[in-house]
């Protein structure tokens, strides 16, 4: 190749090693140092522009006493929750009295601001959906006031952020439109985690999840996929399927739970879905949580040696 003048200060000529080789070997190190400084300055400037950046957290609860109880639900998708199912789950919930309640995402559907086509005949609006969800959380807080509560947001909760950023970014800075204020989580004693975050409870990884499979006979086992993806025992929702995958390696025995859903099966966007309703509860022994996934059948479920009937009507 033809010799070039060094682009640093035209101090010398050199033979380029490639078409984009613009600096002589003597100045390569100085150029790299200057480029690094420039990148750092650019990044710092960008970071300073965000008053409230998204924060994906990995919260750890590293110890809990023997007998400490946890209950994990997800995908209620208010106002499209299954009322009969919720009644019997809450009957168990009231008797179990968990120390830690994990609302593992997609607790509200946010139907009116989704990207999908909406049925114009629907009577509800966004505010009534939020109000109904808050009333349910309020009831749970009253029934079990001493519980530690975590809301691990899912992709449906994230619809609010996506809608504001896409269609009303000028309103996104209004504090009254912040998710935590809309759902009164401070008053309810709920700590929220952004969609994509993880709650690590005694080494058990609890996250909403992101992987789906076709809603047909014999769907892909998402619990196996998530176990491979994370390399950890854990639990996810999101898929509306129920499954368990267990394995043993050099570190010991592990399990991953795909935690089903608690929403209705007659959604207008999915005819006869291959979904399963489920939830998970657990009790700590020797600083290890022993989780029990519970599949809910059309007539109810068994838990802690008692049958909880799935039927209309008030909680007992």
C-alpha atoms as a PDB file:
ATOM      1  CA  UNK A   1       0.000   0.000   0.000  1.00  0.00           C
ATOM      2  CA  UNK A   2       1.028   3.594  -0.561  1.00  0.00           C
ATOM      3  CA  UNK A   3       2.589   5.366   2.412  1.00  0.00           C
ATOM      4  CA  UNK A   4       0.384   7.648   4.503  1.00  0.00           C
ATOM      5  CA  UNK A   5       0.992  10.576   6.789  1.00  0.00           C
ATOM      6  CA  UNK A   6       0.135   9.822  10.407  1.00  0.00           C
ATOM      7  CA  UNK A   7      -3.304  11.248  11.154  1.00  0.00           C
ATOM      8  CA  UNK A   8      -2.249  12.145  14.700  1.00  0.00           C
ATOM      9  CA  UNK A   9      -0.215  15.235  13.794  1.00  0.00           C
ATOM     10  CA  UNK A  10       1.194  14.479  10.324  1.00  0.00           C
ATOM     11  CA  UNK A  11       4.554  13.938  12.026  1.00  0.00           C
ATOM     12  CA  UNK A  12       5.705  11.033   9.889  1.00  0.00           C
ATOM     13  CA  UNK A  13       4.878   8.652   7.118  1.00  0.00           C
ATOM     14  CA  UNK A  14       4.196   4.938   7.518  1.00  0.00           C
ATOM     15  CA  UNK A  15       3.084   1.948   5.474  1.00  0.00           C
ATOM     16  CA  UNK A  16      -0.553   1.123   6.378  1.00  0.00           C
ATOM     17  CA  UNK A  17      -1.413  -2.457   7.280  1.00  0.00           C
ATOM     18  CA  UNK A  18      -5.032  -2.104   6.153  1.00  0.00           C
ATOM     19  CA  UNK A  19      -7.304   0.322   4.340  1.00  0.00           C
ATOM     20  CA  UNK A  20      -8.362   2.036   7.597  1.00  0.00           C
ATOM     21  CA  UNK A  21      -4.936   2.176   9.242  1.00  0.00           C
ATOM     22  CA  UNK A  22      -4.506   5.933   9.818  1.00  0.00           C
ATOM     23  CA  UNK A  23      -2.063   6.184  12.727  1.00  0.00           C
ATOM     24  CA  UNK A  24       1.586   5.186  12.803  1.00  0.00           C
ATOM     25  CA  UNK A  25       2.609   2.510  15.285  1.00  0.00           C
ATOM     26  CA  UNK A  26       4.285   5.092  17.505  1.00  0.00           C
ATOM     27  CA  UNK A  27       0.995   6.884  18.136  1.00  0.00           C
ATOM     28  CA  UNK A  28      -1.374   3.891  18.375  1.00  0.00           C
ATOM     29  CA  UNK A  29      -1.234   3.841  22.170  1.00  0.00           C
ATOM     30  CA  UNK A  30      -1.830   7.575  22.475  1.00  0.00           C
ATOM     31  CA  UNK A  31      -4.743   7.378  20.079  1.00  0.00           C
ATOM     32  CA  UNK A  32      -6.307   4.552  22.108  1.00  0.00           C
ATOM     33  CA  UNK A  33      -5.962   6.509  25.361  1.00  0.00           C
ATOM     34  CA  UNK A  34      -7.579   9.573  23.813  1.00  0.00           C
ATOM     35  CA  UNK A  35     -10.394   7.470  22.328  1.00  0.00           C
ATOM     36  CA  UNK A  36     -11.060   5.879  25.720  1.00  0.00           C
ATOM     37  CA  UNK A  37     -11.260   9.303  27.357  1.00  0.00           C
ATOM     38  CA  UNK A  38     -13.636  10.482  24.664  1.00  0.00           C
ATOM     39  CA  UNK A  39     -15.879   7.448  25.143  1.00  0.00           C
ATOM     40  CA  UNK A  40     -15.902   7.903  28.921  1.00  0.00           C
ATOM     41  CA  UNK A  41     -16.833  11.564  28.549  1.00  0.00           C
ATOM     42  CA  UNK A  42     -19.610  10.697  26.099  1.00  0.00           C
ATOM     43  CA  UNK A  43     -20.974   7.995  28.403  1.00  0.00           C
ATOM     44  CA  UNK A  44     -20.883  10.304  31.434  1.00  0.00           C
ATOM     45  CA  UNK A  45     -22.707  12.973  29.460  1.00  0.00           C
ATOM     46  CA  UNK A  46     -25.368  10.486  28.362  1.00  0.00           C
ATOM     47  CA  UNK A  47     -25.750   9.134  31.880  1.00  0.00           C
ATOM     48  CA  UNK A  48     -26.242  12.653  33.218  1.00  0.00           C
ATOM     49  CA  UNK A  49     -29.169  13.145  30.839  1.00  0.00           C
ATOM     50  CA  UNK A  50     -31.254  10.494  32.579  1.00  0.00           C
ATOM     51  CA  UNK A  51     -32.881  11.653  35.785  1.00  0.00           C
ATOM     52  CA  UNK A  52     -34.405   8.222  36.390  1.00  0.00           C
ATOM     53  CA  UNK A  53     -32.761   5.468  34.333  1.00  0.00           C
ATOM     54  CA  UNK A  54     -34.213   1.952  34.279  1.00  0.00           C
ATOM     55  CA  UNK A  55     -32.609  -0.101  37.011  1.00  0.00           C
ATOM     56  CA  UNK A  56     -32.566  -3.867  36.697  1.00  0.00           C
ATOM     57  CA  UNK A  57     -31.888  -5.217  40.156  1.00  0.00           C
ATOM     58  CA  UNK A  58     -30.895  -8.547  41.603  1.00  0.00           C
ATOM     59  CA  UNK A  59     -32.140  -8.405  45.161  1.00  0.00           C
ATOM     60  CA  UNK A  60     -30.848 -11.049  47.570  1.00  0.00           C
ATOM     61  CA  UNK A  61     -32.556 -12.386  50.667  1.00  0.00           C
ATOM     62  CA  UNK A  62     -29.721 -14.479  52.079  1.00  0.00           C
ATOM     63  CA  UNK A  63     -31.173 -15.846  55.299  1.00  0.00           C
ATOM     64  CA  UNK A  64     -34.515 -16.751  56.828  1.00  0.00           C
ATOM     65  CA  UNK A  65     -35.442 -18.657  59.998  1.00  0.00           C
ATOM     66  CA  UNK A  66     -36.886 -22.153  60.060  1.00  0.00           C
ATOM     67  CA  UNK A  67     -40.613 -22.071  59.394  1.00  0.00           C
ATOM     68  CA  UNK A  68     -40.429 -18.880  57.317  1.00  0.00           C
ATOM     69  CA  UNK A  69     -43.155 -19.143  54.666  1.00  0.00           C
ATOM     70  CA  UNK A  70     -43.317 -17.799  51.118  1.00  0.00           C
ATOM     71  CA  UNK A  71     -46.090 -17.693  48.530  1.00  0.00           C
ATOM     72  CA  UNK A  72     -45.546 -16.846  44.838  1.00  0.00           C
ATOM     73  CA  UNK A  73     -48.237 -16.004  42.275  1.00  0.00           C
ATOM     74  CA  UNK A  74     -48.141 -14.425  38.835  1.00  0.00           C
ATOM     75  CA  UNK A  75     -50.172 -13.632  35.729  1.00  0.00           C
ATOM     76  CA  UNK A  76     -53.475 -12.693  37.368  1.00  0.00           C
ATOM     77  CA  UNK A  77     -53.802 -10.014  34.665  1.00  0.00           C
ATOM     78  CA  UNK A  78     -56.478  -7.953  36.405  1.00  0.00           C
ATOM     79  CA  UNK A  79     -59.262  -7.392  35.417  1.00  0.00           C
ATOM     80  CA  UNK A  80     -59.049 -10.703  33.530  1.00  0.00           C
ATOM     81  CA  UNK A  81     -58.276 -12.753  36.638  1.00  0.00           C
ATOM     82  CA  UNK A  82     -60.212 -15.983  37.203  1.00  0.00           C
ATOM     83  CA  UNK A  83     -62.516 -15.082  40.074  1.00  0.00           C
ATOM     84  CA  UNK A  84     -63.295 -18.678  41.115  1.00  0.00           C
ATOM     85  CA  UNK A  85     -59.627 -19.579  41.143  1.00  0.00           C
ATOM     86  CA  UNK A  86     -58.637 -16.465  43.057  1.00  0.00           C
ATOM     87  CA  UNK A  87     -61.225 -17.235  45.754  1.00  0.00           C
ATOM     88  CA  UNK A  88     -59.799 -20.674  46.516  1.00  0.00           C
ATOM     89  CA  UNK A  89     -56.166 -19.497  46.275  1.00  0.00           C
ATOM     90  CA  UNK A  90     -56.925 -16.679  48.721  1.00  0.00           C
ATOM     91  CA  UNK A  91     -58.664 -19.122  51.070  1.00  0.00           C
ATOM     92  CA  UNK A  92     -55.413 -21.066  51.268  1.00  0.00           C
ATOM     93  CA  UNK A  93     -53.422 -17.813  51.441  1.00  0.00           C
ATOM     94  CA  UNK A  94     -55.371 -16.566  54.474  1.00  0.00           C
ATOM     95  CA  UNK A  95     -54.742 -19.820  56.350  1.00  0.00           C
ATOM     96  CA  UNK A  96     -51.104 -20.184  55.272  1.00  0.00           C
ATOM     97  CA  UNK A  97     -50.183 -16.590  56.302  1.00  0.00           C
ATOM     98  CA  UNK A  98     -46.901 -16.319  54.363  1.00  0.00           C
ATOM     99  CA  UNK A  99     -44.057 -14.196  55.687  1.00  0.00           C
ATOM    100  CA  UNK A 100     -43.042 -13.277  52.128  1.00  0.00           C
ATOM    101  CA  UNK A 101     -45.562 -12.621  49.359  1.00  0.00           C
ATOM    102  CA  UNK A 102     -44.113 -12.462  45.842  1.00  0.00           C
ATOM    103  CA  UNK A 103     -46.308 -10.990  43.100  1.00  0.00           C
ATOM    104  CA  UNK A 104     -44.232 -12.236  40.206  1.00  0.00           C
ATOM    105  CA  UNK A 105     -45.418 -10.048  37.351  1.00  0.00           C
ATOM    106  CA  UNK A 106     -48.360  -9.462  35.027  1.00  0.00           C
ATOM    107  CA  UNK A 107     -50.630  -8.776  37.972  1.00  0.00           C
ATOM    108  CA  UNK A 108     -52.492  -6.203  35.831  1.00  0.00           C
ATOM    109  CA  UNK A 109     -53.147  -6.580  32.115  1.00  0.00           C
ATOM    110  CA  UNK A 110     -53.036  -2.898  31.019  1.00  0.00           C
ATOM    111  CA  UNK A 111     -55.391  -3.878  28.190  1.00  0.00           C
ATOM    112  CA  UNK A 112     -56.233  -0.347  27.053  1.00  0.00           C
ATOM    113  CA  UNK A 113     -52.599   0.628  26.397  1.00  0.00           C
ATOM    114  CA  UNK A 114     -51.363  -2.613  24.876  1.00  0.00           C
ATOM    115  CA  UNK A 115     -49.976  -2.671  21.347  1.00  0.00           C
ATOM    116  CA  UNK A 116     -52.632  -5.152  20.250  1.00  0.00           C
ATOM    117  CA  UNK A 117     -56.062  -4.466  18.755  1.00  0.00           C
ATOM    118  CA  UNK A 118     -58.645  -3.680  21.409  1.00  0.00           C
ATOM    119  CA  UNK A 119     -62.320  -4.636  21.464  1.00  0.00           C
ATOM    120  CA  UNK A 120     -64.243  -1.315  21.339  1.00  0.00           C
ATOM    121  CA  UNK A 121     -67.201  -2.844  23.197  1.00  0.00           C
ATOM    122  CA  UNK A 122     -65.211  -3.317  26.396  1.00  0.00           C
ATOM    123  CA  UNK A 123     -66.772  -1.305  29.219  1.00  0.00           C
ATOM    124  CA  UNK A 124     -63.755  -0.869  31.493  1.00  0.00           C
ATOM    125  CA  UNK A 125     -61.146   1.878  31.251  1.00  0.00           C
ATOM    126  CA  UNK A 126     -57.555   2.258  32.410  1.00  0.00           C
ATOM    127  CA  UNK A 127     -58.383   3.972  35.708  1.00  0.00           C
ATOM    128  CA  UNK A 128     -60.961   1.355  36.707  1.00  0.00           C
ATOM    129  CA  UNK A 129     -58.436  -1.410  35.952  1.00  0.00           C
ATOM    130  CA  UNK A 130     -55.850   0.278  38.178  1.00  0.00           C
ATOM    131  CA  UNK A 131     -58.409   0.930  40.932  1.00  0.00           C
ATOM    132  CA  UNK A 132     -59.534  -2.703  40.918  1.00  0.00           C
ATOM    133  CA  UNK A 133     -55.970  -3.957  41.139  1.00  0.00           C
ATOM    134  CA  UNK A 134     -55.152  -1.595  44.012  1.00  0.00           C
ATOM    135  CA  UNK A 135     -58.289  -2.744  45.883  1.00  0.00           C
ATOM    136  CA  UNK A 136     -57.115  -6.356  45.586  1.00  0.00           C
ATOM    137  CA  UNK A 137     -53.643  -5.484  46.888  1.00  0.00           C
ATOM    138  CA  UNK A 138     -55.273  -3.498  49.670  1.00  0.00           C
ATOM    139  CA  UNK A 139     -57.291  -6.542  50.712  1.00  0.00           C
ATOM    140  CA  UNK A 140     -54.203  -8.745  50.721  1.00  0.00           C
ATOM    141  CA  UNK A 141     -52.355  -6.198  52.867  1.00  0.00           C
ATOM    142  CA  UNK A 142     -55.245  -6.096  55.344  1.00  0.00           C
ATOM    143  CA  UNK A 143     -55.497  -9.903  55.538  1.00  0.00           C
ATOM    144  CA  UNK A 144     -51.760 -10.382  56.113  1.00  0.00           C
ATOM    145  CA  UNK A 145     -50.411  -7.032  57.343  1.00  0.00           C
ATOM    146  CA  UNK A 146     -47.053  -8.291  58.646  1.00  0.00           C
ATOM    147  CA  UNK A 147     -45.931  -9.917  55.385  1.00  0.00           C
ATOM    148  CA  UNK A 148     -42.933  -8.741  53.396  1.00  0.00           C
ATOM    149  CA  UNK A 149     -44.267  -7.978  49.905  1.00  0.00           C
ATOM    150  CA  UNK A 150     -42.372  -7.906  46.581  1.00  0.00           C
ATOM    151  CA  UNK A 151     -43.841  -7.010  43.189  1.00  0.00           C
ATOM    152  CA  UNK A 152     -41.533  -8.257  40.461  1.00  0.00           C
ATOM    153  CA  UNK A 153     -42.949  -6.450  37.437  1.00  0.00           C
ATOM    154  CA  UNK A 154     -43.684  -8.337  34.242  1.00  0.00           C
ATOM    155  CA  UNK A 155     -44.022  -7.327  30.620  1.00  0.00           C
ATOM    156  CA  UNK A 156     -47.663  -6.284  31.171  1.00  0.00           C
ATOM    157  CA  UNK A 157     -46.731  -3.836  33.937  1.00  0.00           C
ATOM    158  CA  UNK A 158     -44.016  -2.579  31.588  1.00  0.00           C
ATOM    159  CA  UNK A 159     -46.728  -1.600  29.092  1.00  0.00           C
ATOM    160  CA  UNK A 160     -47.175   1.675  30.981  1.00  0.00           C
ATOM    161  CA  UNK A 161     -43.540   2.670  30.453  1.00  0.00           C
ATOM    162  CA  UNK A 162     -43.554   1.565  26.815  1.00  0.00           C
ATOM    163  CA  UNK A 163     -46.761   3.481  26.101  1.00  0.00           C
ATOM    164  CA  UNK A 164     -45.463   6.705  27.666  1.00  0.00           C
ATOM    165  CA  UNK A 165     -42.100   6.474  25.942  1.00  0.00           C
ATOM    166  CA  UNK A 166     -43.691   5.738  22.577  1.00  0.00           C
ATOM    167  CA  UNK A 167     -46.821   7.911  22.545  1.00  0.00           C
ATOM    168  CA  UNK A 168     -46.492  10.463  25.343  1.00  0.00           C
ATOM    169  CA  UNK A 169     -42.854  10.864  26.270  1.00  0.00           C
ATOM    170  CA  UNK A 170     -43.512  14.473  27.301  1.00  0.00           C
ATOM    171  CA  UNK A 171     -45.775  13.130  30.068  1.00  0.00           C
ATOM    172  CA  UNK A 172     -43.343  10.461  31.239  1.00  0.00           C
ATOM    173  CA  UNK A 173     -41.651  12.877  33.651  1.00  0.00           C
ATOM    174  CA  UNK A 174     -44.862  13.565  35.589  1.00  0.00           C
ATOM    175  CA  UNK A 175     -44.517  12.078  39.071  1.00  0.00           C
ATOM    176  CA  UNK A 176     -48.235  11.368  39.245  1.00  0.00           C
ATOM    177  CA  UNK A 177     -47.821   8.932  36.336  1.00  0.00           C
ATOM    178  CA  UNK A 178     -45.064   6.907  37.987  1.00  0.00           C
ATOM    179  CA  UNK A 179     -45.997   3.255  38.373  1.00  0.00           C
ATOM    180  CA  UNK A 180     -45.364   3.135  42.130  1.00  0.00           C
ATOM    181  CA  UNK A 181     -47.551   6.180  42.750  1.00  0.00           C
ATOM    182  CA  UNK A 182     -50.414   4.925  40.579  1.00  0.00           C
ATOM    183  CA  UNK A 183     -50.498   1.665  42.538  1.00  0.00           C
ATOM    184  CA  UNK A 184     -49.860   3.217  45.974  1.00  0.00           C
ATOM    185  CA  UNK A 185     -47.150   0.664  46.712  1.00  0.00           C
ATOM    186  CA  UNK A 186     -45.598   2.678  49.549  1.00  0.00           C
ATOM    187  CA  UNK A 187     -48.901   2.747  51.433  1.00  0.00           C
ATOM    188  CA  UNK A 188     -49.386  -0.970  50.766  1.00  0.00           C
ATOM    189  CA  UNK A 189     -45.880  -1.877  51.921  1.00  0.00           C
ATOM    190  CA  UNK A 190     -44.874  -3.343  48.571  1.00  0.00           C
ATOM    191  CA  UNK A 191     -41.374  -3.113  47.171  1.00  0.00           C
ATOM    192  CA  UNK A 192     -41.295  -3.156  43.361  1.00  0.00           C
ATOM    193  CA  UNK A 193     -38.596  -4.470  41.039  1.00  0.00           C
ATOM    194  CA  UNK A 194     -38.360  -3.426  37.394  1.00  0.00           C
ATOM    195  CA  UNK A 195     -39.286  -5.896  34.670  1.00  0.00           C
ATOM    196  CA  UNK A 196     -36.198  -7.991  34.017  1.00  0.00           C
ATOM    197  CA  UNK A 197     -35.075  -7.955  37.651  1.00  0.00           C
ATOM    198  CA  UNK A 198     -34.508 -10.974  39.870  1.00  0.00           C
ATOM    199  CA  UNK A 199     -35.395 -11.729  43.482  1.00  0.00           C
ATOM    200  CA  UNK A 200     -32.861 -14.242  44.810  1.00  0.00           C
ATOM    201  CA  UNK A 201     -34.441 -15.930  47.818  1.00  0.00           C
ATOM    202  CA  UNK A 202     -31.903 -18.174  49.578  1.00  0.00           C
ATOM    203  CA  UNK A 203     -30.267 -18.947  46.244  1.00  0.00           C
ATOM    204  CA  UNK A 204     -33.585 -19.574  44.468  1.00  0.00           C
ATOM    205  CA  UNK A 205     -33.916 -17.230  41.503  1.00  0.00           C
ATOM    206  CA  UNK A 206     -37.440 -15.737  41.166  1.00  0.00           C
ATOM    207  CA  UNK A 207     -38.147 -13.709  38.008  1.00  0.00           C
ATOM    208  CA  UNK A 208     -41.127 -13.003  35.797  1.00  0.00           C
ATOM    209  CA  UNK A 209     -39.483 -14.572  32.759  1.00  0.00           C
ATOM    210  CA  UNK A 210     -39.415 -13.802  29.059  1.00  0.00           C
ATOM    211  CA  UNK A 211     -39.536 -17.128  27.213  1.00  0.00           C
ATOM    212  CA  UNK A 212     -42.787 -18.402  25.690  1.00  0.00           C
ATOM    213  CA  UNK A 213     -43.872 -21.456  23.743  1.00  0.00           C
ATOM    214  CA  UNK A 214     -46.769 -22.093  21.407  1.00  0.00           C
ATOM    215  CA  UNK A 215     -50.107 -22.637  23.134  1.00  0.00           C
ATOM    216  CA  UNK A 216     -50.698 -26.098  21.715  1.00  0.00           C
ATOM    217  CA  UNK A 217     -50.505 -29.707  22.833  1.00  0.00           C
ATOM    218  CA  UNK A 218     -47.173 -30.670  24.381  1.00  0.00           C
ATOM    219  CA  UNK A 219     -45.578 -27.202  24.561  1.00  0.00           C
ATOM    220  CA  UNK A 220     -41.851 -26.688  25.069  1.00  0.00           C
ATOM    221  CA  UNK A 221     -40.825 -27.098  28.709  1.00  0.00           C
ATOM    222  CA  UNK A 222     -39.913 -23.516  29.648  1.00  0.00           C
ATOM    223  CA  UNK A 223     -38.625 -24.566  33.070  1.00  0.00           C
ATOM    224  CA  UNK A 224     -35.934 -26.632  31.350  1.00  0.00           C
ATOM    225  CA  UNK A 225     -35.050 -23.720  29.066  1.00  0.00           C
ATOM    226  CA  UNK A 226     -34.784 -21.273  31.982  1.00  0.00           C
ATOM    227  CA  UNK A 227     -32.719 -23.743  34.002  1.00  0.00           C
ATOM    228  CA  UNK A 228     -30.243 -23.954  31.119  1.00  0.00           C
ATOM    229  CA  UNK A 229     -30.287 -20.177  30.567  1.00  0.00           C
ATOM    230  CA  UNK A 230     -29.685 -19.270  34.227  1.00  0.00           C
ATOM    231  CA  UNK A 231     -27.766 -22.300  35.515  1.00  0.00           C
ATOM    232  CA  UNK A 232     -29.727 -21.942  38.735  1.00  0.00           C
ATOM    233  CA  UNK A 233     -32.721 -23.228  40.623  1.00  0.00           C
ATOM    234  CA  UNK A 234     -35.560 -20.793  40.112  1.00  0.00           C
ATOM    235  CA  UNK A 235     -39.107 -19.926  39.176  1.00  0.00           C
ATOM    236  CA  UNK A 236     -40.735 -17.916  36.400  1.00  0.00           C
ATOM    237  CA  UNK A 237     -44.181 -17.011  35.139  1.00  0.00           C
ATOM    238  CA  UNK A 238     -45.035 -15.330  31.838  1.00  0.00           C
ATOM    239  CA  UNK A 239     -45.757 -18.427  29.756  1.00  0.00           C
ATOM    240  CA  UNK A 240     -49.068 -19.397  31.466  1.00  0.00           C
ATOM    241  CA  UNK A 241     -47.796 -22.984  31.500  1.00  0.00           C
ATOM    242  CA  UNK A 242     -47.031 -25.211  34.463  1.00  0.00           C
ATOM    243  CA  UNK A 243     -43.950 -27.430  34.534  1.00  0.00           C
ATOM    244  CA  UNK A 244     -41.043 -28.517  36.724  1.00  0.00           C
ATOM    245  CA  UNK A 245     -37.535 -29.425  35.664  1.00  0.00           C
ATOM    246  CA  UNK A 246     -35.058 -31.025  38.050  1.00  0.00           C
ATOM    247  CA  UNK A 247     -31.405 -31.939  37.622  1.00  0.00           C
ATOM    248  CA  UNK A 248     -28.294 -32.828  39.604  1.00  0.00           C
ATOM    249  CA  UNK A 249     -24.763 -31.614  38.969  1.00  0.00           C
ATOM    250  CA  UNK A 250     -21.531 -31.196  40.918  1.00  0.00           C
ATOM    251  CA  UNK A 251     -23.176 -28.551  43.115  1.00  0.00           C
ATOM    252  CA  UNK A 252     -26.084 -30.793  44.113  1.00  0.00           C
ATOM    253  CA  UNK A 253     -29.772 -31.104  43.204  1.00  0.00           C
ATOM    254  CA  UNK A 254     -31.741 -28.263  41.637  1.00  0.00           C
ATOM    255  CA  UNK A 255     -35.208 -27.491  40.321  1.00  0.00           C
ATOM    256  CA  UNK A 256     -36.882 -24.860  38.177  1.00  0.00           C
ATOM    257  CA  UNK A 257     -40.623 -24.143  38.263  1.00  0.00           C
ATOM    258  CA  UNK A 258     -42.794 -22.692  35.497  1.00  0.00           C
ATOM    259  CA  UNK A 259     -45.522 -21.223  37.687  1.00  0.00           C
ATOM    260  CA  UNK A 260     -48.636 -21.270  35.491  1.00  0.00           C
ATOM    261  CA  UNK A 261     -51.148 -18.397  35.720  1.00  0.00           C
ATOM    262  CA  UNK A 262     -54.271 -17.258  37.600  1.00  0.00           C
ATOM    263  CA  UNK A 263     -56.059 -15.518  34.733  1.00  0.00           C
ATOM    264  CA  UNK A 264     -59.108 -16.606  32.781  1.00  0.00           C
ATOM    265  CA  UNK A 265     -58.855 -19.039  29.883  1.00  0.00           C
ATOM    266  CA  UNK A 266     -61.474 -17.312  27.722  1.00  0.00           C
ATOM    267  CA  UNK A 267     -59.320 -14.422  26.516  1.00  0.00           C
ATOM    268  CA  UNK A 268     -60.507 -13.034  23.194  1.00  0.00           C
ATOM    269  CA  UNK A 269     -57.017 -13.164  21.694  1.00  0.00           C
ATOM    270  CA  UNK A 270     -56.540 -16.894  22.377  1.00  0.00           C
ATOM    271  CA  UNK A 271     -59.112 -19.567  21.506  1.00  0.00           C
ATOM    272  CA  UNK A 272     -58.917 -22.623  23.793  1.00  0.00           C
ATOM    273  CA  UNK A 273     -55.397 -21.957  25.103  1.00  0.00           C
ATOM    274  CA  UNK A 274     -53.241 -24.765  26.426  1.00  0.00           C
ATOM    275  CA  UNK A 275     -52.600 -22.999  29.729  1.00  0.00           C
ATOM    276  CA  UNK A 276     -52.531 -24.235  33.314  1.00  0.00           C
ATOM    277  CA  UNK A 277     -53.415 -22.434  36.505  1.00  0.00           C
ATOM    278  CA  UNK A 278     -50.917 -22.804  39.331  1.00  0.00           C
ATOM    279  CA  UNK A 279     -49.083 -21.106  42.200  1.00  0.00           C
ATOM    280  CA  UNK A 280     -46.220 -22.041  44.520  1.00  0.00           C
ATOM    281  CA  UNK A 281     -45.741 -21.949  48.275  1.00  0.00           C
ATOM    282  CA  UNK A 282     -42.751 -22.918  50.380  1.00  0.00           C
ATOM    283  CA  UNK A 283     -41.327 -23.254  53.882  1.00  0.00           C
ATOM    284  CA  UNK A 284     -37.732 -22.663  54.975  1.00  0.00           C
ATOM    285  CA  UNK A 285     -35.696 -25.317  56.809  1.00  0.00           C
ATOM    286  CA  UNK A 286     -31.957 -24.970  57.508  1.00  0.00           C
ATOM    287  CA  UNK A 287     -31.869 -21.742  55.473  1.00  0.00           C
ATOM    288  CA  UNK A 288     -33.146 -23.586  52.403  1.00  0.00           C
ATOM    289  CA  UNK A 289     -36.583 -23.011  50.930  1.00  0.00           C
ATOM    290  CA  UNK A 290     -38.605 -26.120  50.141  1.00  0.00           C
ATOM    291  CA  UNK A 291     -41.031 -25.036  47.451  1.00  0.00           C
ATOM    292  CA  UNK A 292     -44.268 -26.833  46.595  1.00  0.00           C
ATOM    293  CA  UNK A 293     -45.783 -26.001  43.182  1.00  0.00           C
ATOM    294  CA  UNK A 294     -49.562 -26.466  43.104  1.00  0.00           C
ATOM    295  CA  UNK A 295     -51.514 -27.090  39.915  1.00  0.00           C
ATOM    296  CA  UNK A 296     -55.134 -25.928  40.075  1.00  0.00           C
ATOM    297  CA  UNK A 297     -57.753 -28.180  38.486  1.00  0.00           C
ATOM    298  CA  UNK A 298     -61.313 -27.233  37.448  1.00  0.00           C
ATOM    299  CA  UNK A 299     -62.654 -28.297  40.867  1.00  0.00           C
ATOM    300  CA  UNK A 300     -59.787 -26.950  42.994  1.00  0.00           C
ATOM    301  CA  UNK A 301     -56.477 -28.053  44.501  1.00  0.00           C
ATOM    302  CA  UNK A 302     -54.870 -29.820  47.453  1.00  0.00           C
ATOM    303  CA  UNK A 303     -52.330 -27.990  49.629  1.00  0.00           C
ATOM    304  CA  UNK A 304     -51.000 -28.660  53.134  1.00  0.00           C
ATOM    305  CA  UNK A 305     -53.283 -31.710  53.372  1.00  0.00           C
ATOM    306  CA  UNK A 306     -56.523 -29.831  52.662  1.00  0.00           C
ATOM    307  CA  UNK A 307     -58.665 -29.507  49.548  1.00  0.00           C
ATOM    308  CA  UNK A 308     -59.591 -25.990  48.452  1.00  0.00           C
ATOM    309  CA  UNK A 309     -62.658 -25.979  46.270  1.00  0.00           C
ATOM    310  CA  UNK A 310     -62.822 -23.807  43.190  1.00  0.00           C
ATOM    311  CA  UNK A 311     -66.277 -22.254  43.334  1.00  0.00           C
ATOM    312  CA  UNK A 312     -67.970 -18.855  43.085  1.00  0.00           C
ATOM    313  CA  UNK A 313     -68.729 -16.845  46.170  1.00  0.00           C
ATOM    314  CA  UNK A 314     -66.886 -15.039  48.942  1.00  0.00           C
ATOM    315  CA  UNK A 315     -63.733 -16.292  50.583  1.00  0.00           C
ATOM    316  CA  UNK A 316     -64.270 -18.354  53.689  1.00  0.00           C
END
